[in-house]
Protein backbone atom coordinates (compact mmCIF):
# COMPACT_ATOMS: atom_id res chain seq x y z
CA MET A 1 22.21 -10.00 15.98
CA LEU A 2 22.79 -6.98 13.67
CA ALA A 3 19.28 -5.58 14.25
CA ALA A 4 19.11 -5.83 18.21
CA VAL A 5 20.87 -2.21 18.65
CA LEU A 6 18.24 -0.74 16.29
CA VAL A 7 15.52 -1.82 18.47
CA THR A 8 17.17 0.32 21.50
CA VAL A 9 17.56 3.37 19.25
CA ALA A 10 13.84 2.97 18.22
CA SER A 11 12.59 2.65 21.58
CA ALA A 12 14.63 5.77 22.68
CA CYS A 13 13.72 7.84 19.74
CA SER A 14 10.06 7.10 18.97
CA GLU A 15 8.59 9.72 21.00
CA GLY A 16 7.77 12.34 18.64
CA ALA A 17 8.33 10.15 15.48
CA SER A 18 5.44 9.15 13.30
CA GLN A 19 3.83 5.96 14.07
CA SER A 20 2.05 5.79 10.61
CA ALA A 21 2.96 2.47 8.88
CA ALA A 22 1.90 3.69 5.52
CA THR A 23 1.45 7.02 3.41
CA PRO A 24 -0.56 6.96 0.23
CA SER A 25 1.82 7.71 -2.55
CA PRO A 26 0.82 10.47 -5.23
CA VAL A 27 3.47 8.76 -7.56
CA ALA A 28 1.78 6.29 -10.14
CA GLY A 29 2.49 2.48 -9.75
CA SER A 30 2.04 0.32 -7.04
CA CYS A 31 4.53 -1.18 -4.19
CA ILE A 32 3.08 -4.46 -4.47
CA THR A 33 4.62 -5.10 -8.05
CA THR A 34 8.10 -5.22 -6.60
CA TYR A 35 7.23 -7.95 -4.01
CA ALA A 36 8.01 -11.57 -4.69
CA ASN A 37 4.77 -13.34 -4.76
CA GLY A 38 2.94 -10.05 -3.86
CA THR A 39 4.22 -10.23 -0.33
CA ARG A 40 6.14 -7.30 1.29
CA PRO A 41 9.27 -8.00 3.42
CA VAL A 42 8.84 -8.41 7.28
CA ILE A 43 10.55 -6.77 10.02
CA ALA A 44 10.88 -9.36 12.71
CA ASP A 45 10.60 -7.02 15.84
CA ALA A 46 7.63 -4.84 15.76
CA ARG A 47 9.22 -2.11 17.76
CA ARG A 48 11.41 -1.38 14.80
CA MET A 49 8.14 -0.26 12.87
CA ALA A 50 8.08 2.86 15.08
CA GLY A 51 8.33 5.82 12.80
CA THR A 52 8.08 4.02 9.56
CA ARG A 53 6.31 5.07 6.36
CA MET A 54 5.66 3.13 3.04
CA LEU A 55 6.79 4.99 -0.10
CA CYS A 56 5.76 3.70 -3.41
CA PHE A 57 7.86 4.92 -6.19
CA ARG A 58 7.32 3.97 -9.83
CA ALA A 59 10.20 1.30 -9.99
CA PHE A 60 10.86 0.51 -6.49
CA ALA A 61 9.35 0.54 -3.06
CA VAL A 62 10.82 1.79 0.29
CA LEU A 63 9.77 1.12 4.11
CA HIS A 64 11.45 4.41 5.64
CA SER A 65 12.28 4.86 9.18
CA GLY A 66 11.83 8.25 10.70
CA VAL A 67 14.12 6.88 13.55
CA THR A 68 17.21 6.12 11.37
CA ARG A 69 16.23 8.66 8.53
CA THR A 70 17.11 5.94 6.04
CA PRO A 71 15.11 2.88 4.34
CA LEU A 72 14.93 -0.16 6.38
CA TRP A 73 14.42 -2.09 3.01
CA VAL A 74 13.91 -1.22 -0.45
CA THR A 75 12.32 -3.62 -3.02
CA GLU A 76 12.53 -3.95 -6.65
CA ARG A 77 11.58 -6.33 -9.42
CA LEU A 78 13.93 -6.50 -12.52
CA THR A 79 13.22 -8.24 -15.63
CA ARG A 80 15.15 -8.75 -19.01
CA VAL A 81 13.19 -5.91 -20.62
CA SER A 82 13.78 -3.38 -17.55
CA VAL A 83 17.45 -4.25 -17.60
CA GLU A 84 17.69 -3.70 -21.27
CA ALA A 85 16.06 -0.22 -20.80
CA ALA A 86 18.31 0.71 -18.05
CA ARG A 87 21.26 -0.01 -20.13
CA ALA A 88 19.78 1.91 -22.99
CA LEU A 89 19.53 5.18 -20.66
CA ASP A 90 22.79 6.88 -21.49
CA THR A 91 22.66 9.74 -18.90
CA ARG A 92 22.00 9.64 -15.20
CA ASP A 93 20.09 12.37 -13.26
CA ASN A 94 22.34 12.92 -10.29
CA ARG A 95 19.93 15.27 -8.54
CA PHE A 96 20.09 14.23 -5.09
CA HIS A 97 16.99 15.50 -3.13
CA ALA A 98 15.27 15.31 0.04
CA GLU A 99 12.06 13.37 -0.03
CA GLU A 100 9.28 15.86 0.16
CA ARG A 101 6.55 13.18 1.08
CA LEU A 102 8.19 12.77 4.50
CA PRO A 103 8.03 15.26 7.45
CA THR A 104 11.13 17.19 7.75
CA GLY A 105 11.78 15.68 11.23
CA GLU A 106 11.83 12.19 9.79
CA ARG A 107 13.92 12.66 6.52
CA ALA A 108 17.43 13.01 5.85
CA GLU A 109 18.51 16.46 4.27
CA LEU A 110 21.44 17.22 1.67
CA GLU A 111 23.04 19.05 4.55
CA ASP A 112 23.25 15.82 6.63
CA TYR A 113 25.74 14.18 4.24
CA ARG A 114 27.96 17.47 3.30
CA GLY A 115 31.26 16.99 4.66
CA SER A 116 30.38 13.60 6.37
CA GLY A 117 32.96 11.58 4.62
CA PHE A 118 30.22 9.06 3.39
CA ASP A 119 28.55 8.57 0.10
CA ARG A 120 24.75 8.87 -0.34
CA GLY A 121 24.58 5.17 -1.19
CA HIS A 122 21.55 4.23 -3.40
CA MET A 123 19.70 0.97 -2.12
CA ALA A 124 17.71 0.85 -5.29
CA PRO A 125 20.57 1.68 -7.85
CA SER A 126 20.25 4.43 -10.56
CA GLY A 127 21.87 1.78 -12.94
CA ASP A 128 18.61 -0.31 -12.50
CA MET A 129 16.28 2.62 -13.81
CA GLY A 130 15.15 2.73 -17.48
CA ARG A 131 13.33 5.89 -17.70
CA PRO A 132 14.50 9.47 -16.53
CA VAL A 133 11.67 10.04 -14.29
CA ASP A 134 12.54 6.64 -12.51
CA ASP A 135 16.34 7.63 -12.19
CA TYR A 136 15.43 11.08 -10.77
CA GLU A 137 13.11 9.07 -8.12
CA SER A 138 16.15 6.85 -7.25
CA PHE A 139 18.12 9.78 -6.15
CA SER A 140 15.53 10.56 -3.37
CA LEU A 141 17.38 10.63 0.12
CA ALA A 142 14.60 8.30 1.15
CA ASN A 143 16.45 5.58 -1.07
CA MET A 144 19.92 6.28 0.43
CA VAL A 145 22.16 5.29 3.47
CA PRO A 146 25.33 6.50 4.52
CA GLN A 147 27.81 4.32 2.65
CA ASP A 148 31.54 3.93 2.67
CA GLY A 149 32.68 5.48 -0.58
CA SER A 150 35.28 2.65 -1.48
CA LEU A 151 32.42 0.02 -1.07
CA ASN A 152 29.66 2.21 -2.83
CA ARG A 153 31.82 2.80 -5.71
CA GLY A 154 33.75 -0.49 -5.80
CA GLY A 155 32.36 -3.95 -4.75
CA TRP A 156 28.82 -2.66 -4.08
CA ALA A 157 28.81 -1.35 -7.64
CA ASP A 158 29.90 -4.54 -9.08
CA LEU A 159 27.13 -6.47 -7.02
CA GLU A 160 24.66 -4.16 -8.53
CA GLY A 161 25.71 -4.90 -12.07
CA TYR A 162 25.97 -8.68 -11.32
CA VAL A 163 22.36 -8.65 -10.03
CA ARG A 164 21.31 -6.94 -13.38
CA ASP A 165 23.21 -9.45 -15.45
CA LEU A 166 21.42 -12.22 -13.50
CA ALA A 167 18.06 -10.65 -14.20
CA ALA A 168 18.87 -10.28 -17.94
CA THR A 169 20.06 -13.91 -18.30
CA LEU A 170 17.38 -15.59 -16.24
CA GLY A 171 14.58 -13.17 -17.04
CA GLU A 172 13.47 -11.99 -13.85
CA ALA A 173 14.61 -11.29 -10.21
CA TYR A 174 13.01 -9.84 -7.00
CA VAL A 175 15.52 -7.83 -5.27
CA VAL A 176 15.50 -6.50 -1.56
CA THR A 177 18.43 -4.14 -0.20
CA GLY A 178 18.94 -2.51 2.95
CA PRO A 179 21.23 -1.56 5.98
CA ALA A 180 21.85 -3.39 9.15
CA PHE A 181 22.82 -1.65 12.52
CA SER A 182 25.38 -3.23 15.01
CA GLY A 183 27.65 -2.03 17.70
CA ALA A 184 27.60 -0.43 20.89
CA THR A 185 27.99 3.05 19.50
CA LEU A 186 26.74 4.09 16.02
CA ARG A 187 27.41 7.37 14.39
CA ARG A 188 24.76 9.76 13.17
CA LEU A 189 25.47 12.26 10.37
CA ASP A 190 24.73 15.92 11.76
CA GLY A 191 23.36 13.98 14.75
CA ARG A 192 20.47 12.90 12.53
CA VAL A 193 20.98 10.14 9.96
CA LEU A 194 22.10 6.84 11.41
CA VAL A 195 25.32 5.15 9.66
CA PRO A 196 24.86 1.39 9.15
CA SER A 197 27.41 -0.99 10.14
CA HIS A 198 26.48 -3.18 7.33
CA VAL A 199 24.52 -3.15 4.02
CA TRP A 200 22.76 -6.34 2.61
CA LYS A 201 21.08 -7.34 -0.63
CA ALA A 202 18.84 -10.37 -1.22
CA VAL A 203 17.86 -11.92 -4.46
CA ARG A 204 15.20 -14.29 -5.53
CA VAL A 205 14.81 -15.62 -9.03
CA PRO A 206 11.44 -17.46 -9.39
CA GLY A 207 12.02 -21.22 -9.92
CA GLN A 208 15.72 -20.89 -9.41
CA GLY A 209 16.43 -19.99 -6.03
CA ALA A 210 17.33 -17.20 -3.58
CA GLY A 211 20.30 -15.84 -1.62
CA ALA A 212 22.05 -12.67 -0.09
CA TRP A 213 25.08 -10.75 0.44
CA ILE A 214 26.22 -8.87 3.54
CA ALA A 215 29.04 -6.38 3.48
CA VAL A 216 30.62 -4.32 6.14
CA ASN A 217 30.02 -0.79 5.63
CA GLY A 218 33.55 0.43 5.84
CA PRO A 219 37.16 0.58 4.34
CA GLY A 220 38.41 -3.00 3.38
CA SER A 221 34.88 -4.08 3.60
CA ARG A 222 34.34 -7.77 4.24
CA TRP A 223 31.78 -9.86 2.38
CA GLU A 224 29.63 -12.85 3.23
CA VAL A 225 27.20 -14.82 1.06
CA VAL A 226 24.27 -16.30 3.12
CA SER A 227 21.10 -18.07 3.01
CA ILE A 228 17.82 -16.04 3.11
CA ALA A 229 17.26 -17.68 6.65
CA THR A 230 20.52 -16.53 7.92
CA LEU A 231 20.05 -12.98 6.65
CA ALA A 232 16.65 -12.73 8.18
CA ALA A 233 18.22 -13.91 11.61
CA ARG A 234 21.24 -11.67 11.35
CA VAL A 235 19.60 -8.25 10.14
CA GLY A 236 15.87 -8.83 11.44
CA VAL A 237 14.49 -8.53 7.94
CA ASP A 238 12.91 -11.37 6.09
CA PRO A 239 12.95 -10.20 2.40
CA PHE A 240 10.84 -13.18 1.14
CA PRO A 241 8.40 -14.18 3.44
CA GLY A 242 6.52 -17.53 2.64
CA LEU A 243 9.71 -18.77 0.85
CA ASP A 244 9.86 -22.66 1.24
CA HIS A 245 12.30 -24.13 4.05
CA ALA A 246 14.64 -25.66 1.66
CA THR A 247 15.24 -22.56 -0.40
CA ARG A 248 15.46 -20.43 2.62
CA SER A 249 18.23 -22.50 3.99
CA ARG A 250 20.42 -23.00 0.94
CA VAL A 251 23.51 -20.89 0.63
CA PRO A 252 23.78 -20.01 -3.26
CA ALA A 253 27.05 -20.20 -5.00
CA PHE A 254 27.26 -16.53 -5.40
CA PRO A 255 30.48 -14.57 -6.08
CA THR A 256 31.56 -12.13 -3.57
CA PHE A 257 32.97 -8.68 -4.65
CA GLY A 258 35.54 -7.96 -2.06
CA PRO A 259 37.42 -9.95 0.91
CA THR A 260 35.41 -12.49 2.54
CA GLN A 261 35.13 -12.96 6.30
CA ASN A 262 37.30 -16.05 6.07
CA ASP A 263 40.20 -13.87 4.55
CA GLY A 264 41.44 -12.73 7.75
CA GLY A 265 40.35 -10.17 10.37
CA ASP A 266 36.91 -10.03 12.02
CA GLY A 267 35.16 -7.88 9.35
CA GLU A 268 34.13 -5.28 11.79
C-alpha cells in the first residue's frame, strides 16, 4: 500500500509537529465549496493526520502535512465558467513562495527545492486559475510537491489540460490531487521535504461518474487509470466519501498520458 510508509514517517516525526487539524484561514472563501457533496476527502489512517493543517485558498483547499512538508490532498471545483476564465488569463504569476500561514518548522522553503533536480509541482495547477489573486495563491509551496521535471512538464501537464477540457465540456468537475509515498527509503529535499514516489489525481463529474490516475514520480513515469475504490486502497486517501459502491468500483475509460504499467517494466 502506497500510504503505509508515510504512517511510519508520521509516527517517527510527529514529536514537535503541530497536532492541529485546522487553522482558520484569513483568505476569503470556504474550503467546503471545493468538496464534492460538501464532504472533504478522508485519510484512512488517523496517524497520518499528525501535524496536518487545513488551508483554505480562494480557488482550492489544501490538507497540509508538517511531517512531509507537502500537501496530502488538494481539492478544486472546476466549472465551464471557471475554465473559460482560466483560459482568458493570459499571464501567469510564477512567484513561488513559502506559505506564511504555516509555522516555519512545518513548511517548505524555496531553498529546499533549489538545486534539488525536482520541479515545484503544482497540485492545484496554475492553469486552472482564472484570476490573478488565485494564480498567485497557486504558487504557494503548500500547494507543491517535489515532482520529476519530465513528468510535471509533460504528461502531467497534459492531464491537467484534459481535466479542464472535461469540466468545460460537461459543465462541472470536482478534482482531488495529491502525492503518495511508497518504498523502504524516501528522499527528503534538504533533509526536510519528502519526495513522493507517485502522484495521483481523482475526478468526479456529478451525474456522470468518477475515476483517477496514478503516475510514478520519476523519469519515464508509468501511468495507471484506476477506480476510486482502488485509489483509496492504494494511497490511503478517499477523495469522494459517500460515493455509491457502483461508481466507486468502476474503472473509467480515461486516457493515459505516458506509458502504462502494462507496457513493460515494473513502473517503480
